[in-house]
Amino acid sequence: ILLEHGARVLAPQGRLIALTPNPVSLDVISEIFWLDPTHVRP
């Protein structure tokens, strides 16, 4: 829903930049990601 509305509110040729933890990294998926209890999923 966020991405769909992100596209809707953008003018043509507008940019959306998304950053998120990288779950391919064992450091991230085994511990770092879960240090924030509000994380839902990678």
PDB file of all heavy atoms in Angstrom:
ATOM      1  N   ILE A   1       0.838  -1.201   0.000  1.00  0.00           N
ATOM      2  CA  ILE A   1       0.000   0.000   0.000  1.00  0.00           C
ATOM      3  C   ILE A   1       0.871   1.247   0.000  1.00  0.00           C
ATOM      4  O   ILE A   1       0.614   2.213  -0.735  1.00  0.00           O
ATOM      5  CB  ILE A   1      -0.953  -0.010   1.214  1.00  0.00           C
ATOM      6  CG1 ILE A   1      -1.991  -1.119   1.060  1.00  0.00           C
ATOM      7  CG2 ILE A   1      -1.643   1.344   1.378  1.00  0.00           C
ATOM      8  CD1 ILE A   1      -2.838  -1.339   2.304  1.00  0.00           C
ATOM      9  N   LEU A   2       1.932   1.236   0.812  1.00  0.00           N
ATOM     10  CA  LEU A   2       2.825   2.390   0.859  1.00  0.00           C
ATOM     11  C   LEU A   2       3.468   2.645  -0.501  1.00  0.00           C
ATOM     12  O   LEU A   2       3.526   3.788  -0.966  1.00  0.00           O
ATOM     13  CB  LEU A   2       3.896   2.176   1.922  1.00  0.00           C
ATOM     14  CG  LEU A   2       4.848   3.354   2.160  1.00  0.00           C
ATOM     15  CD1 LEU A   2       5.213   3.460   3.639  1.00  0.00           C
ATOM     16  CD2 LEU A   2       6.121   3.225   1.331  1.00  0.00           C
ATOM     17  N   LEU A   3       3.938   1.606  -1.159  1.00  0.00           N
ATOM     18  CA  LEU A   3       4.590   1.792  -2.455  1.00  0.00           C
ATOM     19  C   LEU A   3       3.590   2.238  -3.521  1.00  0.00           C
ATOM     20  O   LEU A   3       3.912   3.082  -4.370  1.00  0.00           O
ATOM     21  CB  LEU A   3       5.286   0.506  -2.876  1.00  0.00           C
ATOM     22  CG  LEU A   3       6.471   0.079  -1.989  1.00  0.00           C
ATOM     23  CD1 LEU A   3       7.001  -1.286  -2.418  1.00  0.00           C
ATOM     24  CD2 LEU A   3       7.587   1.118  -2.019  1.00  0.00           C
ATOM     25  N   GLU A   4       2.385   1.693  -3.486  1.00  0.00           N
ATOM     26  CA  GLU A   4       1.369   2.099  -4.456  1.00  0.00           C
ATOM     27  C   GLU A   4       1.007   3.569  -4.283  1.00  0.00           C
ATOM     28  O   GLU A   4       0.886   4.314  -5.267  1.00  0.00           O
ATOM     29  CB  GLU A   4       0.124   1.221  -4.306  1.00  0.00           C
ATOM     30  CG  GLU A   4       0.339  -0.207  -4.787  1.00  0.00           C
ATOM     31  CD  GLU A   4      -0.778  -1.140  -4.363  1.00  0.00           C
ATOM     32  OE1 GLU A   4      -1.740  -0.669  -3.692  1.00  0.00           O
ATOM     33  OE2 GLU A   4      -0.703  -2.347  -4.691  1.00  0.00           O
ATOM     34  N   HIS A   5       0.822   3.996  -3.047  1.00  0.00           N
ATOM     35  CA  HIS A   5       0.505   5.404  -2.813  1.00  0.00           C
ATOM     36  C   HIS A   5       1.734   6.284  -3.002  1.00  0.00           C
ATOM     37  O   HIS A   5       1.603   7.459  -3.364  1.00  0.00           O
ATOM     38  CB  HIS A   5      -0.109   5.589  -1.422  1.00  0.00           C
ATOM     39  CG  HIS A   5      -1.549   5.193  -1.358  1.00  0.00           C
ATOM     40  ND1 HIS A   5      -2.565   6.042  -1.725  1.00  0.00           N
ATOM     41  CD2 HIS A   5      -2.125   4.027  -1.006  1.00  0.00           C
ATOM     42  CE1 HIS A   5      -3.730   5.422  -1.587  1.00  0.00           C
ATOM     43  NE2 HIS A   5      -3.490   4.197  -1.153  1.00  0.00           N
ATOM     44  N   GLY A   6       2.925   5.709  -2.768  1.00  0.00           N
ATOM     45  CA  GLY A   6       4.129   6.451  -3.100  1.00  0.00           C
ATOM     46  C   GLY A   6       4.172   6.796  -4.575  1.00  0.00           C
ATOM     47  O   GLY A   6       4.519   7.924  -4.957  1.00  0.00           O
ATOM     48  N   ALA A   7       3.797   5.848  -5.418  1.00  0.00           N
ATOM     49  CA  ALA A   7       3.732   6.122  -6.855  1.00  0.00           C
ATOM     50  C   ALA A   7       2.629   7.135  -7.165  1.00  0.00           C
ATOM     51  O   ALA A   7       2.811   8.027  -8.002  1.00  0.00           O
ATOM     52  CB  ALA A   7       3.496   4.827  -7.622  1.00  0.00           C
ATOM     53  N   ARG A   8       1.510   7.012  -6.503  1.00  0.00           N
ATOM     54  CA  ARG A   8       0.381   7.911  -6.777  1.00  0.00           C
ATOM     55  C   ARG A   8       0.704   9.368  -6.465  1.00  0.00           C
ATOM     56  O   ARG A   8       0.331  10.278  -7.229  1.00  0.00           O
ATOM     57  CB  ARG A   8      -0.849   7.462  -5.962  1.00  0.00           C
ATOM     58  CG  ARG A   8      -2.105   8.274  -6.220  1.00  0.00           C
ATOM     59  CD  ARG A   8      -3.226   7.844  -5.290  1.00  0.00           C
ATOM     60  NE  ARG A   8      -2.893   8.064  -3.881  1.00  0.00           N
ATOM     61  CZ  ARG A   8      -3.003   9.240  -3.258  1.00  0.00           C
ATOM     62  NH1 ARG A   8      -3.420  10.317  -3.921  1.00  0.00           N
ATOM     63  NH2 ARG A   8      -2.685   9.349  -1.974  1.00  0.00           N
ATOM     64  N   VAL A   9       1.395   9.625  -5.352  1.00  0.00           N
ATOM     65  CA  VAL A   9       1.651  11.014  -4.947  1.00  0.00           C
ATOM     66  C   VAL A   9       2.825  11.630  -5.697  1.00  0.00           C
ATOM     67  O   VAL A   9       3.054  12.841  -5.601  1.00  0.00           O
ATOM     68  CB  VAL A   9       1.891  11.133  -3.426  1.00  0.00           C
ATOM     69  CG1 VAL A   9       0.726  10.548  -2.649  1.00  0.00           C
ATOM     70  CG2 VAL A   9       3.211  10.496  -3.002  1.00  0.00           C
ATOM     71  N   LEU A  10       3.569  10.816  -6.450  1.00  0.00           N
ATOM     72  CA  LEU A  10       4.699  11.339  -7.206  1.00  0.00           C
ATOM     73  C   LEU A  10       4.249  11.878  -8.560  1.00  0.00           C
ATOM     74  O   LEU A  10       3.375  11.313  -9.217  1.00  0.00           O
ATOM     75  CB  LEU A  10       5.746  10.248  -7.435  1.00  0.00           C
ATOM     76  CG  LEU A  10       6.641   9.896  -6.257  1.00  0.00           C
ATOM     77  CD1 LEU A  10       7.466   8.655  -6.571  1.00  0.00           C
ATOM     78  CD2 LEU A  10       7.551  11.064  -5.894  1.00  0.00           C
ATOM     79  N   ALA A  11       4.894  12.952  -8.979  1.00  0.00           N
ATOM     80  CA  ALA A  11       4.717  13.449 -10.338  1.00  0.00           C
ATOM     81  C   ALA A  11       5.384  12.480 -11.310  1.00  0.00           C
ATOM     82  O   ALA A  11       6.234  11.675 -10.915  1.00  0.00           O
ATOM     83  CB  ALA A  11       5.333  14.836 -10.469  1.00  0.00           C
ATOM     84  N   PRO A  12       5.014  12.520 -12.590  1.00  0.00           N
ATOM     85  CA  PRO A  12       5.723  11.696 -13.575  1.00  0.00           C
ATOM     86  C   PRO A  12       7.232  11.926 -13.506  1.00  0.00           C
ATOM     87  O   PRO A  12       7.682  13.065 -13.343  1.00  0.00           O
ATOM     88  CB  PRO A  12       5.134  12.178 -14.906  1.00  0.00           C
ATOM     89  CG  PRO A  12       3.768  12.654 -14.554  1.00  0.00           C
ATOM     90  CD  PRO A  12       3.889  13.269 -13.185  1.00  0.00           C
ATOM     91  N   GLN A  13       7.988  10.851 -13.593  1.00  0.00           N
ATOM     92  CA  GLN A  13       9.443  10.848 -13.478  1.00  0.00           C
ATOM     93  C   GLN A  13       9.921  11.068 -12.037  1.00  0.00           C
ATOM     94  O   GLN A  13      11.125  11.229 -11.797  1.00  0.00           O
ATOM     95  CB  GLN A  13      10.097  11.888 -14.397  1.00  0.00           C
ATOM     96  CG  GLN A  13       9.704  11.757 -15.853  1.00  0.00           C
ATOM     97  CD  GLN A  13      10.076  10.400 -16.423  1.00  0.00           C
ATOM     98  OE1 GLN A  13      11.226   9.984 -16.338  1.00  0.00           O
ATOM     99  NE2 GLN A  13       9.106   9.699 -17.008  1.00  0.00           N
ATOM    100  N   GLY A  14       9.014  11.099 -11.082  1.00  0.00           N
ATOM    101  CA  GLY A  14       9.407  11.213  -9.687  1.00  0.00           C
ATOM    102  C   GLY A  14      10.147   9.976  -9.214  1.00  0.00           C
ATOM    103  O   GLY A  14      10.029   8.889  -9.780  1.00  0.00           O
ATOM    104  N   ARG A  15      10.918  10.132  -8.145  1.00  0.00           N
ATOM    105  CA  ARG A  15      11.772   9.052  -7.638  1.00  0.00           C
ATOM    106  C   ARG A  15      11.290   8.578  -6.268  1.00  0.00           C
ATOM    107  O   ARG A  15      10.881   9.389  -5.435  1.00  0.00           O
ATOM    108  CB  ARG A  15      13.222   9.525  -7.496  1.00  0.00           C
ATOM    109  CG  ARG A  15      13.791  10.210  -8.729  1.00  0.00           C
ATOM    110  CD  ARG A  15      13.953   9.243  -9.887  1.00  0.00           C
ATOM    111  NE  ARG A  15      14.376   9.917 -11.103  1.00  0.00           N
ATOM    112  CZ  ARG A  15      15.639  10.150 -11.439  1.00  0.00           C
ATOM    113  NH1 ARG A  15      16.616   9.813 -10.619  1.00  0.00           N
ATOM    114  NH2 ARG A  15      15.925  10.727 -12.592  1.00  0.00           N
ATOM    115  N   LEU A  16      11.379   7.281  -6.056  1.00  0.00           N
ATOM    116  CA  LEU A  16      11.202   6.706  -4.729  1.00  0.00           C
ATOM    117  C   LEU A  16      12.479   5.976  -4.362  1.00  0.00           C
ATOM    118  O   LEU A  16      12.970   5.146  -5.128  1.00  0.00           O
ATOM    119  CB  LEU A  16      10.008   5.750  -4.684  1.00  0.00           C
ATOM    120  CG  LEU A  16       9.672   5.210  -3.286  1.00  0.00           C
ATOM    121  CD1 LEU A  16       8.172   5.116  -3.073  1.00  0.00           C
ATOM    122  CD2 LEU A  16      10.323   3.844  -3.028  1.00  0.00           C
ATOM    123  N   ILE A  17      13.033   6.320  -3.204  1.00  0.00           N
ATOM    124  CA  ILE A  17      14.272   5.722  -2.712  1.00  0.00           C
ATOM    125  C   ILE A  17      13.945   4.961  -1.434  1.00  0.00           C
ATOM    126  O   ILE A  17      13.474   5.556  -0.458  1.00  0.00           O
ATOM    127  CB  ILE A  17      15.344   6.794  -2.439  1.00  0.00           C
ATOM    128  CG1 ILE A  17      15.599   7.620  -3.705  1.00  0.00           C
ATOM    129  CG2 ILE A  17      16.630   6.171  -1.945  1.00  0.00           C
ATOM    130  CD1 ILE A  17      15.412   9.091  -3.527  1.00  0.00           C
ATOM    131  N   ALA A  18      14.170   3.652  -1.458  1.00  0.00           N
ATOM    132  CA  ALA A  18      13.868   2.805  -0.307  1.00  0.00           C
ATOM    133  C   ALA A  18      15.141   2.167   0.221  1.00  0.00           C
ATOM    134  O   ALA A  18      15.922   1.602  -0.551  1.00  0.00           O
ATOM    135  CB  ALA A  18      12.853   1.729  -0.694  1.00  0.00           C
ATOM    136  N   LEU A  19      15.345   2.257   1.536  1.00  0.00           N
ATOM    137  CA  LEU A  19      16.483   1.640   2.216  1.00  0.00           C
ATOM    138  C   LEU A  19      15.945   0.716   3.289  1.00  0.00           C
ATOM    139  O   LEU A  19      14.978   1.056   3.988  1.00  0.00           O
ATOM    140  CB  LEU A  19      17.377   2.691   2.863  1.00  0.00           C
ATOM    141  CG  LEU A  19      18.307   3.543   2.009  1.00  0.00           C
ATOM    142  CD1 LEU A  19      17.525   4.408   1.022  1.00  0.00           C
ATOM    143  CD2 LEU A  19      19.160   4.441   2.880  1.00  0.00           C
ATOM    144  N   THR A  20      16.587  -0.444   3.440  1.00  0.00           N
ATOM    145  CA  THR A  20      16.114  -1.424   4.412  1.00  0.00           C
ATOM    146  C   THR A  20      17.262  -2.370   4.756  1.00  0.00           C
ATOM    147  O   THR A  20      18.223  -2.482   3.985  1.00  0.00           O
ATOM    148  CB  THR A  20      14.908  -2.191   3.828  1.00  0.00           C
ATOM    149  OG1 THR A  20      14.283  -2.971   4.842  1.00  0.00           O
ATOM    150  CG2 THR A  20      15.306  -3.072   2.663  1.00  0.00           C
ATOM    151  N   PRO A  21      17.230  -3.062   5.889  1.00  0.00           N
ATOM    152  CA  PRO A  21      18.304  -3.999   6.212  1.00  0.00           C
ATOM    153  C   PRO A  21      18.431  -5.104   5.170  1.00  0.00           C
ATOM    154  O   PRO A  21      17.440  -5.528   4.563  1.00  0.00           O
ATOM    155  CB  PRO A  21      17.885  -4.555   7.575  1.00  0.00           C
ATOM    156  CG  PRO A  21      17.036  -3.486   8.173  1.00  0.00           C
ATOM    157  CD  PRO A  21      16.291  -2.896   7.015  1.00  0.00           C
ATOM    158  N   ASN A  22      19.649  -5.582   4.980  1.00  0.00           N
ATOM    159  CA  ASN A  22      19.948  -6.613   3.991  1.00  0.00           C
ATOM    160  C   ASN A  22      19.910  -7.991   4.656  1.00  0.00           C
ATOM    161  O   ASN A  22      20.862  -8.371   5.350  1.00  0.00           O
ATOM    162  CB  ASN A  22      21.328  -6.358   3.381  1.00  0.00           C
ATOM    163  CG  ASN A  22      21.774  -7.484   2.469  1.00  0.00           C
ATOM    164  OD1 ASN A  22      20.951  -8.236   1.953  1.00  0.00           O
ATOM    165  ND2 ASN A  22      23.075  -7.610   2.271  1.00  0.00           N
ATOM    166  N   PRO A  23      18.875  -8.785   4.425  1.00  0.00           N
ATOM    167  CA  PRO A  23      18.779 -10.077   5.120  1.00  0.00           C
ATOM    168  C   PRO A  23      19.707 -11.152   4.577  1.00  0.00           C
ATOM    169  O   PRO A  23      19.812 -12.229   5.179  1.00  0.00           O
ATOM    170  CB  PRO A  23      17.307 -10.460   4.906  1.00  0.00           C
ATOM    171  CG  PRO A  23      16.934  -9.820   3.607  1.00  0.00           C
ATOM    172  CD  PRO A  23      17.693  -8.520   3.582  1.00  0.00           C
ATOM    173  N   VAL A  24      20.378 -10.901   3.453  1.00  0.00           N
ATOM    174  CA  VAL A  24      21.356 -11.874   2.950  1.00  0.00           C
ATOM    175  C   VAL A  24      22.546 -11.970   3.900  1.00  0.00           C
ATOM    176  O   VAL A  24      23.167 -13.018   4.028  1.00  0.00           O
ATOM    177  CB  VAL A  24      21.804 -11.495   1.532  1.00  0.00           C
ATOM    178  CG1 VAL A  24      22.941 -12.383   1.059  1.00  0.00           C
ATOM    179  CG2 VAL A  24      20.630 -11.597   0.566  1.00  0.00           C
ATOM    180  N   SER A  25      22.843 -10.871   4.596  1.00  0.00           N
ATOM    181  CA  SER A  25      23.959 -10.861   5.540  1.00  0.00           C
ATOM    182  C   SER A  25      23.595 -11.644   6.799  1.00  0.00           C
ATOM    183  O   SER A  25      22.583 -11.366   7.451  1.00  0.00           O
ATOM    184  CB  SER A  25      24.315  -9.422   5.915  1.00  0.00           C
ATOM    185  OG  SER A  25      25.224  -9.404   7.000  1.00  0.00           O
ATOM    186  N   LEU A  26      24.434 -12.614   7.152  1.00  0.00           N
ATOM    187  CA  LEU A  26      24.171 -13.394   8.359  1.00  0.00           C
ATOM    188  C   LEU A  26      24.180 -12.530   9.612  1.00  0.00           C
ATOM    189  O   LEU A  26      23.427 -12.788  10.552  1.00  0.00           O
ATOM    190  CB  LEU A  26      25.199 -14.523   8.478  1.00  0.00           C
ATOM    191  CG  LEU A  26      25.088 -15.641   7.441  1.00  0.00           C
ATOM    192  CD1 LEU A  26      26.231 -16.632   7.601  1.00  0.00           C
ATOM    193  CD2 LEU A  26      23.751 -16.352   7.541  1.00  0.00           C
ATOM    194  N   ASP A  27      25.059 -11.539   9.651  1.00  0.00           N
ATOM    195  CA  ASP A  27      25.074 -10.626  10.799  1.00  0.00           C
ATOM    196  C   ASP A  27      23.720  -9.961  10.983  1.00  0.00           C
ATOM    197  O   ASP A  27      23.230  -9.804  12.106  1.00  0.00           O
ATOM    198  CB  ASP A  27      26.140  -9.542  10.588  1.00  0.00           C
ATOM    199  CG  ASP A  27      27.415  -9.824  11.354  1.00  0.00           C
ATOM    200  OD1 ASP A  27      27.469 -10.867  12.043  1.00  0.00           O
ATOM    201  OD2 ASP A  27      28.343  -9.012  11.280  1.00  0.00           O
ATOM    202  N   VAL A  28      23.122  -9.535   9.874  1.00  0.00           N
ATOM    203  CA  VAL A  28      21.843  -8.823   9.936  1.00  0.00           C
ATOM    204  C   VAL A  28      20.718  -9.768  10.325  1.00  0.00           C
ATOM    205  O   VAL A  28      19.975  -9.508  11.284  1.00  0.00           O
ATOM    206  CB  VAL A  28      21.541  -8.137   8.587  1.00  0.00           C
ATOM    207  CG1 VAL A  28      20.122  -7.573   8.567  1.00  0.00           C
ATOM    208  CG2 VAL A  28      22.550  -7.029   8.323  1.00  0.00           C
ATOM    209  N   ILE A  29      20.556 -10.860   9.584  1.00  0.00           N
ATOM    210  CA  ILE A  29      19.379 -11.706   9.789  1.00  0.00           C
ATOM    211  C   ILE A  29      19.455 -12.526  11.074  1.00  0.00           C
ATOM    212  O   ILE A  29      18.432 -12.891  11.655  1.00  0.00           O
ATOM    213  CB  ILE A  29      19.150 -12.630   8.577  1.00  0.00           C
ATOM    214  CG1 ILE A  29      17.706 -13.140   8.567  1.00  0.00           C
ATOM    215  CG2 ILE A  29      20.153 -13.770   8.549  1.00  0.00           C
ATOM    216  CD1 ILE A  29      16.649 -12.061   8.493  1.00  0.00           C
ATOM    217  N   SER A  30      20.676 -12.801  11.566  1.00  0.00           N
ATOM    218  CA  SER A  30      20.794 -13.612  12.778  1.00  0.00           C
ATOM    219  C   SER A  30      20.670 -12.801  14.049  1.00  0.00           C
ATOM    220  O   SER A  30      20.299 -13.339  15.095  1.00  0.00           O
ATOM    221  CB  SER A  30      22.131 -14.369  12.785  1.00  0.00           C
ATOM    222  OG  SER A  30      23.217 -13.459  12.877  1.00  0.00           O
ATOM    223  N   GLU A  31      20.970 -11.483  13.986  1.00  0.00           N
ATOM    224  CA  GLU A  31      20.910 -10.694  15.226  1.00  0.00           C
ATOM    225  C   GLU A  31      20.492  -9.247  15.006  1.00  0.00           C
ATOM    226  O   GLU A  31      19.508  -8.788  15.601  1.00  0.00           O
ATOM    227  CB  GLU A  31      22.265 -10.709  15.929  1.00  0.00           C
ATOM    228  CG  GLU A  31      22.269  -9.903  17.220  1.00  0.00           C
ATOM    229  CD  GLU A  31      23.618  -9.919  17.920  1.00  0.00           C
ATOM    230  OE1 GLU A  31      24.652 -10.004  17.231  1.00  0.00           O
ATOM    231  OE2 GLU A  31      23.622  -9.828  19.159  1.00  0.00           O
ATOM    232  N   ILE A  32      21.217  -8.508  14.166  1.00  0.00           N
ATOM    233  CA  ILE A  32      21.030  -7.056  14.098  1.00  0.00           C
ATOM    234  C   ILE A  32      19.591  -6.679  13.790  1.00  0.00           C
ATOM    235  O   ILE A  32      19.033  -5.769  14.412  1.00  0.00           O
ATOM    236  CB  ILE A  32      22.000  -6.439  13.068  1.00  0.00           C
ATOM    237  CG1 ILE A  32      23.445  -6.617  13.534  1.00  0.00           C
ATOM    238  CG2 ILE A  32      21.697  -4.964  12.844  1.00  0.00           C
ATOM    239  CD1 ILE A  32      24.481  -6.233  12.488  1.00  0.00           C
ATOM    240  N   PHE A  33      18.966  -7.380  12.846  1.00  0.00           N
ATOM    241  CA  PHE A  33      17.589  -7.056  12.474  1.00  0.00           C
ATOM    242  C   PHE A  33      16.651  -7.138  13.666  1.00  0.00           C
ATOM    243  O   PHE A  33      15.731  -6.333  13.810  1.00  0.00           O
ATOM    244  CB  PHE A  33      17.111  -8.011  11.370  1.00  0.00           C
ATOM    245  CG  PHE A  33      15.744  -7.687  10.842  1.00  0.00           C
ATOM    246  CD1 PHE A  33      15.573  -6.770   9.826  1.00  0.00           C
ATOM    247  CD2 PHE A  33      14.612  -8.308  11.367  1.00  0.00           C
ATOM    248  CE1 PHE A  33      14.305  -6.468   9.331  1.00  0.00           C
ATOM    249  CE2 PHE A  33      13.350  -8.018  10.890  1.00  0.00           C
ATOM    250  CZ  PHE A  33      13.192  -7.091   9.864  1.00  0.00           C
ATOM    251  N   TRP A  34      16.886  -8.100  14.533  1.00  0.00           N
ATOM    252  CA  TRP A  34      15.956  -8.366  15.631  1.00  0.00           C
ATOM    253  C   TRP A  34      16.242  -7.530  16.869  1.00  0.00           C
ATOM    254  O   TRP A  34      15.519  -7.659  17.870  1.00  0.00           O
ATOM    255  CB  TRP A  34      15.993  -9.856  15.958  1.00  0.00           C
ATOM    256  CG  TRP A  34      15.750 -10.684  14.747  1.00  0.00           C
ATOM    257  CD1 TRP A  34      16.650 -11.460  14.072  1.00  0.00           C
ATOM    258  CD2 TRP A  34      14.524 -10.791  14.019  1.00  0.00           C
ATOM    259  NE1 TRP A  34      16.074 -12.043  12.980  1.00  0.00           N
ATOM    260  CE2 TRP A  34      14.771 -11.652  12.918  1.00  0.00           C
ATOM    261  CE3 TRP A  34      13.244 -10.254  14.191  1.00  0.00           C
ATOM    262  CZ2 TRP A  34      13.779 -11.977  12.000  1.00  0.00           C
ATOM    263  CZ3 TRP A  34      12.264 -10.569  13.274  1.00  0.00           C
ATOM    264  CH2 TRP A  34      12.530 -11.418  12.190  1.00  0.00           C
ATOM    265  N   LEU A  35      17.245  -6.680  16.833  1.00  0.00           N
ATOM    266  CA  LEU A  35      17.494  -5.790  17.968  1.00  0.00           C
ATOM    267  C   LEU A  35      16.414  -4.729  18.100  1.00  0.00           C
ATOM    268  O   LEU A  35      16.224  -4.154  19.174  1.00  0.00           O
ATOM    269  CB  LEU A  35      18.863  -5.118  17.819  1.00  0.00           C
ATOM    270  CG  LEU A  35      20.076  -6.049  17.890  1.00  0.00           C
ATOM    271  CD1 LEU A  35      21.362  -5.257  17.673  1.00  0.00           C
ATOM    272  CD2 LEU A  35      20.117  -6.799  19.218  1.00  0.00           C
ATOM    273  N   ASP A  36      15.720  -4.430  17.007  1.00  0.00           N
ATOM    274  CA  ASP A  36      14.606  -3.485  17.041  1.00  0.00           C
ATOM    275  C   ASP A  36      13.312  -4.291  17.147  1.00  0.00           C
ATOM    276  O   ASP A  36      12.905  -4.959  16.190  1.00  0.00           O
ATOM    277  CB  ASP A  36      14.599  -2.636  15.771  1.00  0.00           C
ATOM    278  CG  ASP A  36      13.539  -1.540  15.811  1.00  0.00           C
ATOM    279  OD1 ASP A  36      12.579  -1.671  16.602  1.00  0.00           O
ATOM    280  OD2 ASP A  36      13.671  -0.557  15.057  1.00  0.00           O
ATOM    281  N   PRO A  37      12.648  -4.261  18.304  1.00  0.00           N
ATOM    282  CA  PRO A  37      11.459  -5.105  18.484  1.00  0.00           C
ATOM    283  C   PRO A  37      10.276  -4.677  17.630  1.00  0.00           C
ATOM    284  O   PRO A  37       9.280  -5.406  17.562  1.00  0.00           O
ATOM    285  CB  PRO A  37      11.148  -4.950  19.983  1.00  0.00           C
ATOM    286  CG  PRO A  37      11.750  -3.643  20.363  1.00  0.00           C
ATOM    287  CD  PRO A  37      12.976  -3.490  19.517  1.00  0.00           C
ATOM    288  N   THR A  38      10.354  -3.525  16.972  1.00  0.00           N
ATOM    289  CA  THR A  38       9.253  -3.090  16.115  1.00  0.00           C
ATOM    290  C   THR A  38       9.411  -3.569  14.676  1.00  0.00           C
ATOM    291  O   THR A  38       8.539  -3.317  13.839  1.00  0.00           O
ATOM    292  CB  THR A  38       9.112  -1.552  16.132  1.00  0.00           C
ATOM    293  OG1 THR A  38      10.260  -0.957  15.506  1.00  0.00           O
ATOM    294  CG2 THR A  38       8.991  -1.033  17.550  1.00  0.00           C
ATOM    295  N   HIS A  39      10.508  -4.259  14.352  1.00  0.00           N
ATOM    296  CA  HIS A  39      10.666  -4.825  13.012  1.00  0.00           C
ATOM    297  C   HIS A  39       9.669  -5.962  12.813  1.00  0.00           C
ATOM    298  O   HIS A  39       9.488  -6.805  13.690  1.00  0.00           O
ATOM    299  CB  HIS A  39      12.081  -5.352  12.807  1.00  0.00           C
ATOM    300  CG  HIS A  39      13.084  -4.269  12.541  1.00  0.00           C
ATOM    301  ND1 HIS A  39      14.448  -4.516  12.450  1.00  0.00           N
ATOM    302  CD2 HIS A  39      12.929  -2.938  12.313  1.00  0.00           C
ATOM    303  CE1 HIS A  39      15.074  -3.384  12.193  1.00  0.00           C
ATOM    304  NE2 HIS A  39      14.180  -2.412  12.108  1.00  0.00           N
ATOM    305  N   VAL A  40       9.034  -5.990  11.648  1.00  0.00           N
ATOM    306  CA  VAL A  40       8.051  -7.019  11.319  1.00  0.00           C
ATOM    307  C   VAL A  40       8.666  -8.128  10.488  1.00  0.00           C
ATOM    308  O   VAL A  40       8.538  -9.306  10.811  1.00  0.00           O
ATOM    309  CB  VAL A  40       6.856  -6.386  10.577  1.00  0.00           C
ATOM    310  CG1 VAL A  40       5.880  -7.461  10.091  1.00  0.00           C
ATOM    311  CG2 VAL A  40       6.136  -5.384  11.476  1.00  0.00           C
ATOM    312  N   ARG A  41       9.337  -7.754   9.381  1.00  0.00           N
ATOM    313  CA  ARG A  41       9.972  -8.745   8.515  1.00  0.00           C
ATOM    314  C   ARG A  41      10.968  -8.047   7.600  1.00  0.00           C
ATOM    315  O   ARG A  41      10.847  -6.851   7.329  1.00  0.00           O
ATOM    316  CB  ARG A  41       8.952  -9.494   7.660  1.00  0.00           C
ATOM    317  CG  ARG A  41       8.110  -8.634   6.744  1.00  0.00           C
ATOM    318  CD  ARG A  41       7.685  -9.422   5.503  1.00  0.00           C
ATOM    319  NE  ARG A  41       8.829  -9.794   4.703  1.00  0.00           N
ATOM    320  CZ  ARG A  41       8.817 -10.762   3.778  1.00  0.00           C
ATOM    321  NH1 ARG A  41       7.707 -11.434   3.546  1.00  0.00           N
ATOM    322  NH2 ARG A  41       9.906 -11.025   3.072  1.00  0.00           N
ATOM    323  N   PRO A  42      11.970  -8.782   7.109  1.00  0.00           N
ATOM    324  CA  PRO A  42      12.907  -8.196   6.150  1.00  0.00           C
ATOM    325  C   PRO A  42      12.328  -8.237   4.741  1.00  0.00           C
ATOM    326  O   PRO A  42      11.432  -9.028   4.427  1.00  0.00           O
ATOM    327  CB  PRO A  42      14.134  -9.096   6.270  1.00  0.00           C
ATOM    328  CG  PRO A  42      13.581 -10.424   6.675  1.00  0.00           C
ATOM    329  CD  PRO A  42      12.374 -10.138   7.522  1.00  0.00           C
TER     330      PRO A  42
END
